């Protein structure tokens, strides 16, 4: 967290429930490995809206860490540019640990402007949170999953 910054300074991130459901389905299909990908969309002032989720191969095929496929990552960035999307961050799953950054997640969080989203399967119902990670510390972001009937 930057000095002088607090939770109320953090932006709101909105995600349509259909995109959330796609992440859950993809991650379930790849259990027990961690799944991963990128998140892109629109950034307007202090609000971010996720418009597209990219599903990338975890080239490590590991249950406790992930590495994005570099070729797929480049293709996703090209697609973002072609569609006018801004990179918002990345997502990955934790098959058997909580929805919070691990020591490795914090160590590998190089982009202070990115949101780091984690989907946990530790409990019966998946738990999905977004985090701001900077200087070895993390803070939960305001991630809101909505549908056409419920938008906040």
Protein backbone atom coordinates (compact mmCIF):
# COMPACT_ATOMS: atom_id res chain seq x y z
CA UNK A 1 0.00 0.00 0.00
CA UNK A 2 1.35 3.40 -0.91
CA UNK A 3 2.03 5.81 1.95
CA UNK A 4 -1.02 7.94 2.60
CA UNK A 5 -3.29 5.59 0.65
CA UNK A 6 -6.20 3.84 2.33
CA UNK A 7 -9.10 1.63 1.33
CA UNK A 8 -11.37 4.49 0.38
CA UNK A 9 -8.78 5.57 -2.22
CA UNK A 10 -8.97 2.19 -3.95
CA UNK A 11 -11.09 1.83 -7.04
CA UNK A 12 -14.17 -0.31 -7.40
CA UNK A 13 -13.78 -3.29 -9.72
CA UNK A 14 -16.96 -4.62 -11.30
CA UNK A 15 -17.34 -8.01 -12.95
CA UNK A 16 -20.40 -9.49 -14.62
CA UNK A 17 -21.45 -12.77 -12.99
CA UNK A 18 -21.14 -14.57 -16.34
CA UNK A 19 -17.40 -13.82 -16.43
CA UNK A 20 -17.07 -14.93 -12.81
CA UNK A 21 -18.89 -18.19 -13.65
CA UNK A 22 -16.49 -18.77 -16.57
CA UNK A 23 -13.48 -18.42 -14.26
CA UNK A 24 -14.98 -20.84 -11.73
CA UNK A 25 -15.80 -23.39 -14.45
CA UNK A 26 -12.35 -23.17 -16.05
CA UNK A 27 -10.59 -23.47 -12.69
CA UNK A 28 -12.75 -26.47 -11.67
CA UNK A 29 -11.88 -28.22 -14.94
CA UNK A 30 -8.17 -27.83 -14.19
CA UNK A 31 -8.17 -29.00 -10.57
CA UNK A 32 -6.05 -30.00 -8.77
CA UNK A 33 -3.69 -27.62 -10.61
CA UNK A 34 -3.75 -23.86 -10.16
CA UNK A 35 -5.41 -22.09 -13.08
CA UNK A 36 -4.46 -18.64 -14.27
CA UNK A 37 -5.13 -15.84 -16.69
CA UNK A 38 -5.43 -12.14 -17.32
CA UNK A 39 -8.22 -9.63 -16.76
CA UNK A 40 -8.96 -6.66 -19.04
CA UNK A 41 -11.61 -4.02 -19.45
CA UNK A 42 -12.42 -0.36 -19.05
CA UNK A 43 -10.93 2.06 -16.55
CA UNK A 44 -12.92 5.24 -15.94
CA UNK A 45 -11.72 7.41 -13.08
CA UNK A 46 -11.80 5.31 -9.92
CA UNK A 47 -13.90 2.57 -11.48
CA UNK A 48 -12.72 -0.52 -13.37
CA UNK A 49 -15.10 -2.77 -15.30
CA UNK A 50 -13.90 -6.19 -16.38
CA UNK A 51 -14.91 -6.80 -19.99
CA UNK A 52 -12.85 -9.88 -20.83
CA UNK A 53 -11.16 -12.73 -19.00
CA UNK A 54 -8.25 -14.54 -20.61
CA UNK A 55 -7.65 -18.18 -19.74
CA UNK A 56 -3.95 -19.00 -20.00
CA UNK A 57 -2.15 -22.27 -19.50
CA UNK A 58 -0.29 -22.77 -16.25
CA UNK A 59 2.93 -24.02 -17.85
CA UNK A 60 4.09 -25.39 -14.48
CA UNK A 61 0.98 -27.61 -14.14
CA UNK A 62 1.45 -27.30 -10.37
CA UNK A 63 -0.99 -27.43 -7.48
CA UNK A 64 0.72 -24.68 -5.47
CA UNK A 65 1.97 -22.11 -7.99
CA UNK A 66 1.52 -20.95 -11.56
CA UNK A 67 3.42 -19.47 -14.48
CA UNK A 68 1.50 -17.84 -17.32
CA UNK A 69 2.31 -19.15 -20.80
CA UNK A 70 4.38 -16.30 -22.33
CA UNK A 71 3.04 -16.80 -25.88
CA UNK A 72 -0.56 -16.83 -24.66
CA UNK A 73 0.15 -13.78 -22.52
CA UNK A 74 1.44 -11.87 -25.56
CA UNK A 75 -1.61 -12.93 -27.61
CA UNK A 76 -3.91 -11.72 -24.81
CA UNK A 77 -2.18 -8.32 -24.67
CA UNK A 78 -2.50 -7.98 -28.45
CA UNK A 79 -6.21 -8.83 -28.17
CA UNK A 80 -6.64 -6.22 -25.42
CA UNK A 81 -5.10 -3.56 -27.64
CA UNK A 82 -7.16 -4.61 -30.67
CA UNK A 83 -10.38 -4.34 -28.63
CA UNK A 84 -9.50 -1.14 -26.80
CA UNK A 85 -9.30 -2.84 -23.40
CA UNK A 86 -6.94 -1.82 -20.64
CA UNK A 87 -5.06 -4.45 -18.63
CA UNK A 88 -6.61 -4.62 -15.15
CA UNK A 89 -4.62 -7.50 -13.70
CA UNK A 90 -4.44 -11.24 -13.45
CA UNK A 91 -6.27 -14.07 -11.73
CA UNK A 92 -5.34 -17.50 -10.48
CA UNK A 93 -6.85 -20.23 -8.37
CA UNK A 94 -5.85 -21.69 -5.04
CA UNK A 95 -7.12 -25.28 -5.12
CA UNK A 96 -6.57 -25.90 -1.39
CA UNK A 97 -5.66 -22.60 0.26
CA UNK A 98 -7.54 -19.38 1.09
CA UNK A 99 -8.36 -16.53 -1.28
CA UNK A 100 -5.45 -14.36 -0.20
CA UNK A 101 -1.96 -13.88 -1.62
CA UNK A 102 0.58 -16.51 -0.68
CA UNK A 103 4.18 -15.61 0.14
CA UNK A 104 5.09 -16.52 -3.45
CA UNK A 105 2.19 -14.44 -4.85
CA UNK A 106 3.44 -11.39 -2.95
CA UNK A 107 7.05 -12.00 -3.99
CA UNK A 108 6.07 -12.22 -7.68
CA UNK A 109 3.70 -9.22 -7.71
CA UNK A 110 5.82 -6.84 -9.77
CA UNK A 111 3.11 -4.49 -11.08
CA UNK A 112 1.77 -2.12 -8.42
CA UNK A 113 -1.00 -1.01 -10.81
CA UNK A 114 -2.34 -4.53 -11.37
CA UNK A 115 -5.14 -6.20 -9.47
CA UNK A 116 -4.32 -9.71 -8.30
CA UNK A 117 -7.47 -11.87 -8.16
CA UNK A 118 -7.55 -15.21 -6.37
CA UNK A 119 -10.24 -17.88 -6.56
CA UNK A 120 -10.15 -20.33 -3.66
CA UNK A 121 -11.64 -23.83 -3.58
CA UNK A 122 -10.77 -24.36 0.09
CA UNK A 123 -14.48 -24.37 1.03
CA UNK A 124 -17.50 -25.92 -0.70
CA UNK A 125 -18.43 -22.57 -2.27
CA UNK A 126 -15.62 -20.88 -4.22
CA UNK A 127 -14.34 -17.58 -2.78
CA UNK A 128 -13.04 -14.86 -5.13
CA UNK A 129 -11.17 -11.73 -3.98
CA UNK A 130 -9.01 -9.07 -5.57
CA UNK A 131 -5.90 -7.57 -4.00
CA UNK A 132 -3.57 -4.64 -4.43
CA UNK A 133 -0.01 -5.82 -3.75
CA UNK A 134 2.85 -3.40 -3.31
CA UNK A 135 6.15 -3.37 -1.39
CA UNK A 136 5.54 -6.79 0.13
CA UNK A 137 2.11 -5.90 1.53
CA UNK A 138 -1.40 -6.56 0.25
CA UNK A 139 -4.84 -5.10 0.76
CA UNK A 140 -8.19 -6.46 -0.35
CA UNK A 141 -9.82 -4.46 -3.15
CA UNK A 142 -13.51 -3.69 -3.65
CA UNK A 143 -14.53 -6.38 -6.16
CA UNK A 144 -18.23 -6.46 -7.01
CA UNK A 145 -19.83 -9.25 -9.04
CA UNK A 146 -23.09 -8.12 -10.66
CA UNK A 147 -25.81 -9.16 -13.06
CA UNK A 148 -28.45 -7.24 -15.02
CA UNK A 149 -30.82 -7.20 -12.02
CA UNK A 150 -28.25 -6.40 -9.37
CA UNK A 151 -25.65 -3.71 -10.01
CA UNK A 152 -23.93 -1.72 -7.31
